[in-house]
PDB file of all heavy atoms in Angstrom:
ATOM      1  N   VAL A   1     -88.146 288.456 -49.627  1.00  0.00           N
ATOM      2  CA  VAL A   1     -88.305 289.809 -50.116  1.00  0.00           C
ATOM      3  C   VAL A   1     -89.729 290.253 -49.755  1.00  0.00           C
ATOM      4  O   VAL A   1     -89.950 291.352 -49.224  1.00  0.00           O
ATOM      5  CB  VAL A   1     -88.129 289.921 -51.647  1.00  0.00           C
ATOM      6  CG1 VAL A   1     -88.519 291.257 -52.166  1.00  0.00           C
ATOM      7  CG2 VAL A   1     -86.662 289.593 -51.989  1.00  0.00           C
ATOM      8  N   ARG A   2     -90.694 289.387 -50.049  1.00  0.00           N
ATOM      9  CA  ARG A   2     -92.084 289.587 -49.651  1.00  0.00           C
ATOM     10  C   ARG A   2     -92.655 288.221 -49.312  1.00  0.00           C
ATOM     11  O   ARG A   2     -92.836 287.399 -50.202  1.00  0.00           O
ATOM     12  CB  ARG A   2     -92.870 290.235 -50.776  1.00  0.00           C
ATOM     13  CG  ARG A   2     -94.308 290.494 -50.403  1.00  0.00           C
ATOM     14  CD  ARG A   2     -95.004 291.241 -51.473  1.00  0.00           C
ATOM     15  NE  ARG A   2     -96.436 291.310 -51.082  1.00  0.00           N
ATOM     16  CZ  ARG A   2     -97.345 291.883 -51.785  1.00  0.00           C
ATOM     17  NH1 ARG A   2     -97.032 292.454 -52.930  1.00  0.00           N
ATOM     18  NH2 ARG A   2     -98.565 291.942 -51.389  1.00  0.00           N
ATOM     19  N   PRO A   3     -92.890 287.956 -48.025  1.00  0.00           N
ATOM     20  CA  PRO A   3     -93.385 286.633 -47.659  1.00  0.00           C
ATOM     21  C   PRO A   3     -94.804 286.397 -48.206  1.00  0.00           C
ATOM     22  O   PRO A   3     -95.558 287.351 -48.440  1.00  0.00           O
ATOM     23  CB  PRO A   3     -93.418 286.662 -46.138  1.00  0.00           C
ATOM     24  CG  PRO A   3     -93.634 288.103 -45.812  1.00  0.00           C
ATOM     25  CD  PRO A   3     -92.905 288.859 -46.909  1.00  0.00           C
ATOM     26  N   CYS A   4     -95.114 285.155 -48.468  1.00  0.00           N
ATOM     27  CA  CYS A   4     -96.481 284.852 -48.860  1.00  0.00           C
ATOM     28  C   CYS A   4     -96.834 283.433 -48.474  1.00  0.00           C
ATOM     29  O   CYS A   4     -95.981 282.587 -48.297  1.00  0.00           O
ATOM     30  CB  CYS A   4     -96.712 285.098 -50.341  1.00  0.00           C
ATOM     31  SG  CYS A   4     -95.807 284.087 -51.464  1.00  0.00           S
ATOM     32  N   TYR A   5     -98.114 283.241 -48.297  1.00  0.00           N
ATOM     33  CA  TYR A   5     -98.662 281.950 -47.931  1.00  0.00           C
ATOM     34  C   TYR A   5    -100.038 281.810 -48.600  1.00  0.00           C
ATOM     35  O   TYR A   5    -101.068 281.953 -47.923  1.00  0.00           O
ATOM     36  CB  TYR A   5     -98.784 281.828 -46.381  1.00  0.00           C
ATOM     37  CG  TYR A   5     -99.274 280.464 -45.948  1.00  0.00           C
ATOM     38  CD1 TYR A   5     -98.645 279.273 -46.352  1.00  0.00           C
ATOM     39  CD2 TYR A   5    -100.370 280.380 -45.118  1.00  0.00           C
ATOM     40  CE1 TYR A   5     -99.097 278.054 -45.911  1.00  0.00           C
ATOM     41  CE2 TYR A   5    -100.871 279.127 -44.697  1.00  0.00           C
ATOM     42  CZ  TYR A   5    -100.194 278.001 -45.099  1.00  0.00           C
ATOM     43  OH  TYR A   5    -100.668 276.756 -44.689  1.00  0.00           O
ATOM     44  N   PRO A   6    -100.038 281.539 -49.903  1.00  0.00           N
ATOM     45  CA  PRO A   6    -101.326 281.341 -50.561  1.00  0.00           C
ATOM     46  C   PRO A   6    -102.035 280.089 -50.055  1.00  0.00           C
ATOM     47  O   PRO A   6    -101.422 279.034 -50.006  1.00  0.00           O
ATOM     48  CB  PRO A   6    -100.970 281.273 -52.047  1.00  0.00           C
ATOM     49  CG  PRO A   6     -99.505 280.981 -52.098  1.00  0.00           C
ATOM     50  CD  PRO A   6     -98.905 281.434 -50.807  1.00  0.00           C
ATOM     51  N   ILE A   7    -103.269 280.230 -49.680  1.00  0.00           N
ATOM     52  CA  ILE A   7    -104.059 279.114 -49.179  1.00  0.00           C
ATOM     53  C   ILE A   7    -104.696 278.375 -50.335  1.00  0.00           C
ATOM     54  O   ILE A   7    -105.402 278.970 -51.138  1.00  0.00           O
ATOM     55  CB  ILE A   7    -105.121 279.610 -48.186  1.00  0.00           C
ATOM     56  CG1 ILE A   7    -104.472 280.243 -46.969  1.00  0.00           C
ATOM     57  CG2 ILE A   7    -106.047 278.481 -47.774  1.00  0.00           C
ATOM     58  CD1 ILE A   7    -105.464 280.949 -46.030  1.00  0.00           C
ATOM     59  N   SER A   8    -104.465 277.058 -50.411  1.00  0.00           N
ATOM     60  CA  SER A   8    -105.085 276.283 -51.457  1.00  0.00           C
ATOM     61  C   SER A   8    -106.345 275.559 -50.973  1.00  0.00           C
ATOM     62  O   SER A   8    -107.210 275.239 -51.786  1.00  0.00           O
ATOM     63  CB  SER A   8    -104.090 275.235 -52.033  1.00  0.00           C
ATOM     64  OG  SER A   8    -103.597 274.387 -51.019  1.00  0.00           O
ATOM     65  N   GLU A   9    -106.447 275.290 -49.695  1.00  0.00           N
ATOM     66  CA  GLU A   9    -107.601 274.634 -49.105  1.00  0.00           C
ATOM     67  C   GLU A   9    -107.914 275.224 -47.754  1.00  0.00           C
ATOM     68  O   GLU A   9    -106.976 275.520 -46.999  1.00  0.00           O
ATOM     69  CB  GLU A   9    -107.362 273.144 -48.896  1.00  0.00           C
ATOM     70  CG  GLU A   9    -107.068 272.307 -50.142  1.00  0.00           C
ATOM     71  CD  GLU A   9    -106.703 270.895 -49.775  1.00  0.00           C
ATOM     72  OE1 GLU A   9    -107.238 270.325 -48.782  1.00  0.00           O
ATOM     73  OE2 GLU A   9    -105.873 270.333 -50.482  1.00  0.00           O
ATOM     74  N   ALA A  10    -109.180 275.389 -47.454  1.00  0.00           N
ATOM     75  CA  ALA A  10    -109.601 275.865 -46.107  1.00  0.00           C
ATOM     76  C   ALA A  10    -110.905 275.112 -45.769  1.00  0.00           C
ATOM     77  O   ALA A  10    -111.850 275.160 -46.551  1.00  0.00           O
ATOM     78  CB  ALA A  10    -109.837 277.358 -46.105  1.00  0.00           C
ATOM     79  N   SER A  11    -110.873 274.438 -44.602  1.00  0.00           N
ATOM     80  CA  SER A  11    -112.009 273.673 -44.187  1.00  0.00           C
ATOM     81  C   SER A  11    -112.417 273.968 -42.746  1.00  0.00           C
ATOM     82  O   SER A  11    -111.558 273.997 -41.887  1.00  0.00           O
ATOM     83  CB  SER A  11    -111.706 272.149 -44.278  1.00  0.00           C
ATOM     84  OG  SER A  11    -111.260 271.788 -45.523  1.00  0.00           O
ATOM     85  N   GLU A  12    -113.681 274.170 -42.565  1.00  0.00           N
ATOM     86  CA  GLU A  12    -114.202 274.365 -41.192  1.00  0.00           C
ATOM     87  C   GLU A  12    -114.378 272.968 -40.595  1.00  0.00           C
ATOM     88  O   GLU A  12    -114.903 272.085 -41.245  1.00  0.00           O
ATOM     89  CB  GLU A  12    -115.535 275.125 -41.281  1.00  0.00           C
ATOM     90  CG  GLU A  12    -116.116 275.492 -39.976  1.00  0.00           C
ATOM     91  CD  GLU A  12    -116.922 274.353 -39.321  1.00  0.00           C
ATOM     92  OE1 GLU A  12    -117.631 273.654 -40.051  1.00  0.00           O
ATOM     93  OE2 GLU A  12    -116.790 274.180 -38.109  1.00  0.00           O
ATOM     94  N   LEU A  13    -113.848 272.771 -39.380  1.00  0.00           N
ATOM     95  CA  LEU A  13    -113.850 271.423 -38.765  1.00  0.00           C
ATOM     96  C   LEU A  13    -114.906 271.269 -37.667  1.00  0.00           C
ATOM     97  O   LEU A  13    -114.997 270.219 -37.109  1.00  0.00           O
ATOM     98  CB  LEU A  13    -112.437 271.141 -38.173  1.00  0.00           C
ATOM     99  CG  LEU A  13    -111.297 271.156 -39.122  1.00  0.00           C
ATOM    100  CD1 LEU A  13    -110.014 270.976 -38.365  1.00  0.00           C
ATOM    101  CD2 LEU A  13    -111.456 270.049 -40.186  1.00  0.00           C
ATOM    102  N   GLY A  14    -115.614 272.321 -37.326  1.00  0.00           N
ATOM    103  CA  GLY A  14    -116.488 272.257 -36.150  1.00  0.00           C
ATOM    104  C   GLY A  14    -115.643 272.623 -34.929  1.00  0.00           C
ATOM    105  O   GLY A  14    -114.435 272.759 -35.002  1.00  0.00           O
ATOM    106  N   ASP A  15    -116.334 272.746 -33.813  1.00  0.00           N
ATOM    107  CA  ASP A  15    -115.614 273.107 -32.582  1.00  0.00           C
ATOM    108  C   ASP A  15    -114.760 274.364 -32.745  1.00  0.00           C
ATOM    109  O   ASP A  15    -113.689 274.483 -32.130  1.00  0.00           O
ATOM    110  CB  ASP A  15    -114.758 271.968 -32.050  1.00  0.00           C
ATOM    111  CG  ASP A  15    -115.584 270.738 -31.698  1.00  0.00           C
ATOM    112  OD1 ASP A  15    -116.678 270.917 -31.214  1.00  0.00           O
ATOM    113  OD2 ASP A  15    -115.085 269.592 -31.912  1.00  0.00           O
ATOM    114  N   ASP A  16    -115.176 275.296 -33.620  1.00  0.00           N
ATOM    115  CA  ASP A  16    -114.431 276.521 -33.872  1.00  0.00           C
ATOM    116  C   ASP A  16    -113.011 276.292 -34.296  1.00  0.00           C
ATOM    117  O   ASP A  16    -112.080 277.001 -33.945  1.00  0.00           O
ATOM    118  CB  ASP A  16    -114.481 277.447 -32.662  1.00  0.00           C
ATOM    119  CG  ASP A  16    -115.869 277.997 -32.407  1.00  0.00           C
ATOM    120  OD1 ASP A  16    -116.529 278.381 -33.420  1.00  0.00           O
ATOM    121  OD2 ASP A  16    -116.313 278.133 -31.239  1.00  0.00           O
ATOM    122  N   ARG A  17    -112.799 275.230 -35.126  1.00  0.00           N
ATOM    123  CA  ARG A  17    -111.477 274.958 -35.664  1.00  0.00           C
ATOM    124  C   ARG A  17    -111.518 275.043 -37.215  1.00  0.00           C
ATOM    125  O   ARG A  17    -112.531 274.691 -37.838  1.00  0.00           O
ATOM    126  CB  ARG A  17    -110.995 273.583 -35.257  1.00  0.00           C
ATOM    127  CG  ARG A  17    -110.746 273.505 -33.784  1.00  0.00           C
ATOM    128  CD  ARG A  17    -110.093 272.157 -33.390  1.00  0.00           C
ATOM    129  NE  ARG A  17    -110.846 271.024 -33.937  1.00  0.00           N
ATOM    130  CZ  ARG A  17    -110.368 269.814 -34.082  1.00  0.00           C
ATOM    131  NH1 ARG A  17    -109.124 269.545 -33.705  1.00  0.00           N
ATOM    132  NH2 ARG A  17    -111.091 268.867 -34.598  1.00  0.00           N
ATOM    133  N   VAL A  18    -110.406 275.460 -37.760  1.00  0.00           N
ATOM    134  CA  VAL A  18    -110.256 275.603 -39.235  1.00  0.00           C
ATOM    135  C   VAL A  18    -108.931 274.957 -39.606  1.00  0.00           C
ATOM    136  O   VAL A  18    -107.880 275.156 -38.969  1.00  0.00           O
ATOM    137  CB  VAL A  18    -110.204 277.090 -39.651  1.00  0.00           C
ATOM    138  CG1 VAL A  18    -109.932 277.222 -41.143  1.00  0.00           C
ATOM    139  CG2 VAL A  18    -111.518 277.776 -39.273  1.00  0.00           C
ATOM    140  N   LEU A  19    -108.991 274.104 -40.649  1.00  0.00           N
ATOM    141  CA  LEU A  19    -107.793 273.477 -41.205  1.00  0.00           C
ATOM    142  C   LEU A  19    -107.509 274.146 -42.552  1.00  0.00           C
ATOM    143  O   LEU A  19    -108.383 274.279 -43.377  1.00  0.00           O
ATOM    144  CB  LEU A  19    -108.043 271.964 -41.417  1.00  0.00           C
ATOM    145  CG  LEU A  19    -106.962 271.181 -42.211  1.00  0.00           C
ATOM    146  CD1 LEU A  19    -105.655 271.154 -41.425  1.00  0.00           C
ATOM    147  CD2 LEU A  19    -107.478 269.788 -42.545  1.00  0.00           C
ATOM    148  N   ILE A  20    -106.254 274.560 -42.740  1.00  0.00           N
ATOM    149  CA  ILE A  20    -105.869 275.141 -44.019  1.00  0.00           C
ATOM    150  C   ILE A  20    -104.624 274.433 -44.532  1.00  0.00           C
ATOM    151  O   ILE A  20    -103.887 273.790 -43.786  1.00  0.00           O
ATOM    152  CB  ILE A  20    -105.567 276.668 -43.945  1.00  0.00           C
ATOM    153  CG1 ILE A  20    -104.388 276.958 -43.040  1.00  0.00           C
ATOM    154  CG2 ILE A  20    -106.810 277.438 -43.512  1.00  0.00           C
ATOM    155  CD1 ILE A  20    -103.850 278.347 -43.188  1.00  0.00           C
ATOM    156  N   ARG A  21    -104.462 274.568 -45.822  1.00  0.00           N
ATOM    157  CA  ARG A  21    -103.308 274.003 -46.515  1.00  0.00           C
ATOM    158  C   ARG A  21    -102.838 275.063 -47.510  1.00  0.00           C
ATOM    159  O   ARG A  21    -103.671 275.679 -48.161  1.00  0.00           O
ATOM    160  CB  ARG A  21    -103.660 272.718 -47.214  1.00  0.00           C
ATOM    161  CG  ARG A  21    -102.524 271.979 -47.847  1.00  0.00           C
ATOM    162  CD  ARG A  21    -103.066 270.713 -48.475  1.00  0.00           C
ATOM    163  NE  ARG A  21    -101.973 269.774 -48.713  1.00  0.00           N
ATOM    164  CZ  ARG A  21    -102.098 268.579 -49.156  1.00  0.00           C
ATOM    165  NH1 ARG A  21    -103.320 268.128 -49.424  1.00  0.00           N
ATOM    166  NH2 ARG A  21    -101.094 267.805 -49.383  1.00  0.00           N
ATOM    167  N   GLY A  22    -101.554 275.241 -47.598  1.00  0.00           N
ATOM    168  CA  GLY A  22    -101.029 276.224 -48.570  1.00  0.00           C
ATOM    169  C   GLY A  22     -99.548 276.053 -48.796  1.00  0.00           C
ATOM    170  O   GLY A  22     -98.973 275.033 -48.399  1.00  0.00           O
ATOM    171  N   GLU A  23     -98.943 277.024 -49.415  1.00  0.00           N
ATOM    172  CA  GLU A  23     -97.515 277.061 -49.702  1.00  0.00           C
ATOM    173  C   GLU A  23     -96.878 278.280 -49.089  1.00  0.00           C
ATOM    174  O   GLU A  23     -97.229 279.400 -49.431  1.00  0.00           O
ATOM    175  CB  GLU A  23     -97.329 277.073 -51.253  1.00  0.00           C
ATOM    176  CG  GLU A  23     -97.855 275.885 -51.946  1.00  0.00           C
ATOM    177  CD  GLU A  23     -97.092 274.573 -51.691  1.00  0.00           C
ATOM    178  OE1 GLU A  23     -95.875 274.656 -51.611  1.00  0.00           O
ATOM    179  OE2 GLU A  23     -97.739 273.547 -51.519  1.00  0.00           O
ATOM    180  N   LEU A  24     -95.934 278.076 -48.182  1.00  0.00           N
ATOM    181  CA  LEU A  24     -95.230 279.145 -47.524  1.00  0.00           C
ATOM    182  C   LEU A  24     -93.927 279.424 -48.274  1.00  0.00           C
ATOM    183  O   LEU A  24     -93.183 278.522 -48.583  1.00  0.00           O
ATOM    184  CB  LEU A  24     -94.907 278.760 -46.064  1.00  0.00           C
ATOM    185  CG  LEU A  24     -94.048 279.720 -45.280  1.00  0.00           C
ATOM    186  CD1 LEU A  24     -94.757 281.049 -45.024  1.00  0.00           C
ATOM    187  CD2 LEU A  24     -93.622 279.124 -43.961  1.00  0.00           C
ATOM    188  N   GLY A  25     -93.654 280.708 -48.523  1.00  0.00           N
ATOM    189  CA  GLY A  25     -92.375 281.031 -49.147  1.00  0.00           C
ATOM    190  C   GLY A  25     -92.385 282.381 -49.791  1.00  0.00           C
ATOM    191  O   GLY A  25     -93.008 283.323 -49.298  1.00  0.00           O
ATOM    192  N   GLY A  26     -91.679 282.470 -50.889  1.00  0.00           N
ATOM    193  CA  GLY A  26     -91.532 283.720 -51.611  1.00  0.00           C
ATOM    194  C   GLY A  26     -90.213 283.760 -52.304  1.00  0.00           C
ATOM    195  O   GLY A  26     -89.520 282.745 -52.498  1.00  0.00           O
ATOM    196  N   LYS A  27     -89.790 284.934 -52.619  1.00  0.00           N
ATOM    197  CA  LYS A  27     -88.479 285.181 -53.246  1.00  0.00           C
ATOM    198  C   LYS A  27     -87.473 285.415 -52.152  1.00  0.00           C
ATOM    199  O   LYS A  27     -87.662 286.306 -51.324  1.00  0.00           O
ATOM    200  CB  LYS A  27     -88.558 286.390 -54.174  1.00  0.00           C
ATOM    201  CG  LYS A  27     -87.324 286.626 -54.958  1.00  0.00           C
ATOM    202  CD  LYS A  27     -87.565 287.766 -55.953  1.00  0.00           C
ATOM    203  CE  LYS A  27     -86.359 288.001 -56.835  1.00  0.00           C
ATOM    204  NZ  LYS A  27     -86.588 289.096 -57.785  1.00  0.00           N
ATOM    205  N   GLY A  28     -86.424 284.644 -52.115  1.00  0.00           N
ATOM    206  CA  GLY A  28     -85.401 284.763 -51.082  1.00  0.00           C
ATOM    207  C   GLY A  28     -84.711 286.121 -51.076  1.00  0.00           C
ATOM    208  O   GLY A  28     -84.334 286.632 -52.141  1.00  0.00           O
ATOM    209  N   ALA A  29     -84.617 286.706 -49.903  1.00  0.00           N
ATOM    210  CA  ALA A  29     -83.988 288.053 -49.791  1.00  0.00           C
ATOM    211  C   ALA A  29     -82.524 288.007 -50.187  1.00  0.00           C
ATOM    212  O   ALA A  29     -82.006 288.901 -50.820  1.00  0.00           O
ATOM    213  CB  ALA A  29     -84.155 288.616 -48.385  1.00  0.00           C
ATOM    214  N   ALA A  30     -81.824 286.933 -49.806  1.00  0.00           N
ATOM    215  CA  ALA A  30     -80.401 286.830 -50.087  1.00  0.00           C
ATOM    216  C   ALA A  30     -80.132 286.207 -51.461  1.00  0.00           C
ATOM    217  O   ALA A  30     -79.265 286.666 -52.204  1.00  0.00           O
ATOM    218  CB  ALA A  30     -79.692 286.001 -49.014  1.00  0.00           C
ATOM    219  N   SER A  31     -80.879 285.168 -51.813  1.00  0.00           N
ATOM    220  CA  SER A  31     -80.604 284.422 -53.064  1.00  0.00           C
ATOM    221  C   SER A  31     -81.350 284.912 -54.260  1.00  0.00           C
ATOM    222  O   SER A  31     -80.910 284.718 -55.396  1.00  0.00           O
ATOM    223  CB  SER A  31     -80.975 282.947 -52.837  1.00  0.00           C
ATOM    224  OG  SER A  31     -82.382 282.836 -52.734  1.00  0.00           O
ATOM    225  N   GLY A  32     -82.509 285.573 -54.054  1.00  0.00           N
ATOM    226  CA  GLY A  32     -83.337 285.980 -55.192  1.00  0.00           C
ATOM    227  C   GLY A  32     -84.098 284.815 -55.797  1.00  0.00           C
ATOM    228  O   GLY A  32     -84.772 284.987 -56.780  1.00  0.00           O
ATOM    229  N   ILE A  33     -84.003 283.639 -55.238  1.00  0.00           N
ATOM    230  CA  ILE A  33     -84.642 282.425 -55.762  1.00  0.00           C
ATOM    231  C   ILE A  33     -86.027 282.274 -55.100  1.00  0.00           C
ATOM    232  O   ILE A  33     -86.128 282.427 -53.904  1.00  0.00           O
ATOM    233  CB  ILE A  33     -83.777 281.135 -55.460  1.00  0.00           C
ATOM    234  CG1 ILE A  33     -82.448 281.316 -56.156  1.00  0.00           C
ATOM    235  CG2 ILE A  33     -84.543 279.915 -55.861  1.00  0.00           C
ATOM    236  CD1 ILE A  33     -81.451 280.198 -55.793  1.00  0.00           C
ATOM    237  N   GLU A  34     -87.020 281.966 -55.930  1.00  0.00           N
ATOM    238  CA  GLU A  34     -88.333 281.703 -55.350  1.00  0.00           C
ATOM    239  C   GLU A  34     -88.402 280.281 -54.852  1.00  0.00           C
ATOM    240  O   GLU A  34     -87.944 279.315 -55.563  1.00  0.00           O
ATOM    241  CB  GLU A  34     -89.437 281.908 -56.420  1.00  0.00           C
ATOM    242  CG  GLU A  34     -89.937 283.292 -56.459  1.00  0.00           C
ATOM    243  CD  GLU A  34     -91.267 283.393 -57.194  1.00  0.00           C
ATOM    244  OE1 GLU A  34     -91.819 282.386 -57.670  1.00  0.00           O
ATOM    245  OE2 GLU A  34     -91.767 284.524 -57.221  1.00  0.00           O
ATOM    246  N   MET A  35     -88.942 280.097 -53.656  1.00  0.00           N
ATOM    247  CA  MET A  35     -89.052 278.780 -53.083  1.00  0.00           C
ATOM    248  C   MET A  35     -90.310 278.738 -52.206  1.00  0.00           C
ATOM    249  O   MET A  35     -90.604 279.710 -51.497  1.00  0.00           O
ATOM    250  CB  MET A  35     -87.801 278.446 -52.226  1.00  0.00           C
ATOM    251  CG  MET A  35     -87.840 277.077 -51.672  1.00  0.00           C
ATOM    252  SD  MET A  35     -86.258 276.473 -50.977  1.00  0.00           S
ATOM    253  CE  MET A  35     -85.677 277.809 -50.010  1.00  0.00           C
ATOM    254  N   PHE A  36     -90.945 277.590 -52.238  1.00  0.00           N
ATOM    255  CA  PHE A  36     -92.189 277.406 -51.422  1.00  0.00           C
ATOM    256  C   PHE A  36     -92.163 276.001 -50.817  1.00  0.00           C
ATOM    257  O   PHE A  36     -91.612 275.089 -51.414  1.00  0.00           O
ATOM    258  CB  PHE A  36     -93.439 277.542 -52.278  1.00  0.00           C
ATOM    259  CG  PHE A  36     -93.687 278.969 -52.770  1.00  0.00           C
ATOM    260  CD1 PHE A  36     -93.100 279.397 -53.960  1.00  0.00           C
ATOM    261  CD2 PHE A  36     -94.451 279.807 -52.000  1.00  0.00           C
ATOM    262  CE1 PHE A  36     -93.326 280.683 -54.399  1.00  0.00           C
ATOM    263  CE2 PHE A  36     -94.669 281.131 -52.420  1.00  0.00           C
ATOM    264  CZ  PHE A  36     -94.081 281.575 -53.615  1.00  0.00           C
ATOM    265  N   SER A  37     -92.741 275.911 -49.606  1.00  0.00           N
ATOM    266  CA  SER A  37     -92.870 274.638 -48.920  1.00  0.00           C
ATOM    267  C   SER A  37     -94.364 274.489 -48.547  1.00  0.00           C
ATOM    268  O   SER A  37     -94.961 275.448 -48.099  1.00  0.00           O
ATOM    269  CB  SER A  37     -92.027 274.615 -47.666  1.00  0.00           C
ATOM    270  OG  SER A  37     -90.657 274.714 -47.958  1.00  0.00           O
ATOM    271  N   SER A  38     -94.829 273.277 -48.631  1.00  0.00           N
ATOM    272  CA  SER A  38     -96.174 272.962 -48.228  1.00  0.00           C
ATOM    273  C   SER A  38     -96.288 273.145 -46.719  1.00  0.00           C
ATOM    274  O   SER A  38     -95.408 272.711 -45.991  1.00  0.00           O
ATOM    275  CB  SER A  38     -96.519 271.548 -48.636  1.00  0.00           C
ATOM    276  OG  SER A  38     -97.850 271.213 -48.209  1.00  0.00           O
ATOM    277  N   LEU A  39     -97.344 273.826 -46.296  1.00  0.00           N
ATOM    278  CA  LEU A  39     -97.546 274.068 -44.860  1.00  0.00           C
ATOM    279  C   LEU A  39     -99.053 274.022 -44.576  1.00  0.00           C
ATOM    280  O   LEU A  39     -99.828 274.671 -45.241  1.00  0.00           O
ATOM    281  CB  LEU A  39     -97.001 275.406 -44.428  1.00  0.00           C
ATOM    282  CG  LEU A  39     -97.120 275.782 -42.961  1.00  0.00           C
ATOM    283  CD1 LEU A  39     -96.302 274.806 -42.102  1.00  0.00           C
ATOM    284  CD2 LEU A  39     -96.695 277.211 -42.692  1.00  0.00           C
ATOM    285  N   SER A  40     -99.413 273.167 -43.604  1.00  0.00           N
ATOM    286  CA  SER A  40    -100.835 273.093 -43.181  1.00  0.00           C
ATOM    287  C   SER A  40    -100.879 273.683 -41.776  1.00  0.00           C
ATOM    288  O   SER A  40     -99.911 273.655 -41.039  1.00  0.00           O
ATOM    289  CB  SER A  40    -101.264 271.659 -43.182  1.00  0.00           C
ATOM    290  OG  SER A  40    -101.237 271.093 -44.483  1.00  0.00           O
ATOM    291  N   ALA A  41    -102.063 274.123 -41.403  1.00  0.00           N
ATOM    292  CA  ALA A  41    -102.296 274.701 -40.052  1.00  0.00           C
ATOM    293  C   ALA A  41    -103.659 274.375 -39.595  1.00  0.00           C
ATOM    294  O   ALA A  41    -104.611 274.296 -40.337  1.00  0.00           O
ATOM    295  CB  ALA A  41    -102.062 276.183 -40.113  1.00  0.00           C
ATOM    296  N   VAL A  42    -103.771 274.240 -38.286  1.00  0.00           N
ATOM    297  CA  VAL A  42    -105.044 274.076 -37.595  1.00  0.00           C
ATOM    298  C   VAL A  42    -105.203 275.262 -36.681  1.00  0.00           C
ATOM    299  O   VAL A  42    -104.329 275.487 -35.800  1.00  0.00           O
ATOM    300  CB  VAL A  42    -105.119 272.735 -36.795  1.00  0.00           C
ATOM    301  CG1 VAL A  42    -106.471 272.659 -36.078  1.00  0.00           C
ATOM    302  CG2 VAL A  42    -104.869 271.568 -37.704  1.00  0.00           C
ATOM    303  N   TYR A  43    -106.267 276.020 -36.875  1.00  0.00           N
ATOM    304  CA  TYR A  43    -106.567 277.183 -36.038  1.00  0.00           C
ATOM    305  C   TYR A  43    -107.782 276.908 -35.167  1.00  0.00           C
ATOM    306  O   TYR A  43    -108.768 276.338 -35.645  1.00  0.00           O
ATOM    307  CB  TYR A  43    -106.836 278.406 -36.905  1.00  0.00           C
ATOM    308  CG  TYR A  43    -105.622 278.899 -37.643  1.00  0.00           C
ATOM    309  CD1 TYR A  43    -105.393 278.546 -38.949  1.00  0.00           C
ATOM    310  CD2 TYR A  43    -104.751 279.762 -37.001  1.00  0.00           C
ATOM    311  CE1 TYR A  43    -104.289 279.024 -39.629  1.00  0.00           C
ATOM    312  CE2 TYR A  43    -103.601 280.225 -37.672  1.00  0.00           C
ATOM    313  CZ  TYR A  43    -103.386 279.848 -38.972  1.00  0.00           C
ATOM    314  OH  TYR A  43    -102.293 280.308 -39.657  1.00  0.00           O
ATOM    315  N   THR A  44    -107.694 277.327 -33.938  1.00  0.00           N
ATOM    316  CA  THR A  44    -108.845 277.305 -33.028  1.00  0.00           C
ATOM    317  C   THR A  44    -109.244 278.765 -32.788  1.00  0.00           C
ATOM    318  O   THR A  44    -108.342 279.593 -32.503  1.00  0.00           O
ATOM    319  CB  THR A  44    -108.537 276.592 -31.703  1.00  0.00           C
ATOM    320  OG1 THR A  44    -108.044 275.256 -31.990  1.00  0.00           O
ATOM    321  CG2 THR A  44    -109.749 276.531 -30.791  1.00  0.00           C
TER     322      THR A  44
END
């Protein structure tokens, strides 16, 4: 219904890289159920 990815951790790694950790999810458009999955990312 409305996607979200709240970030719980963000770390600068050097070499212009950032590591984040958060929960991807939201309220399901079809089911109406809220669900989140842990998701980490590395950005350059």
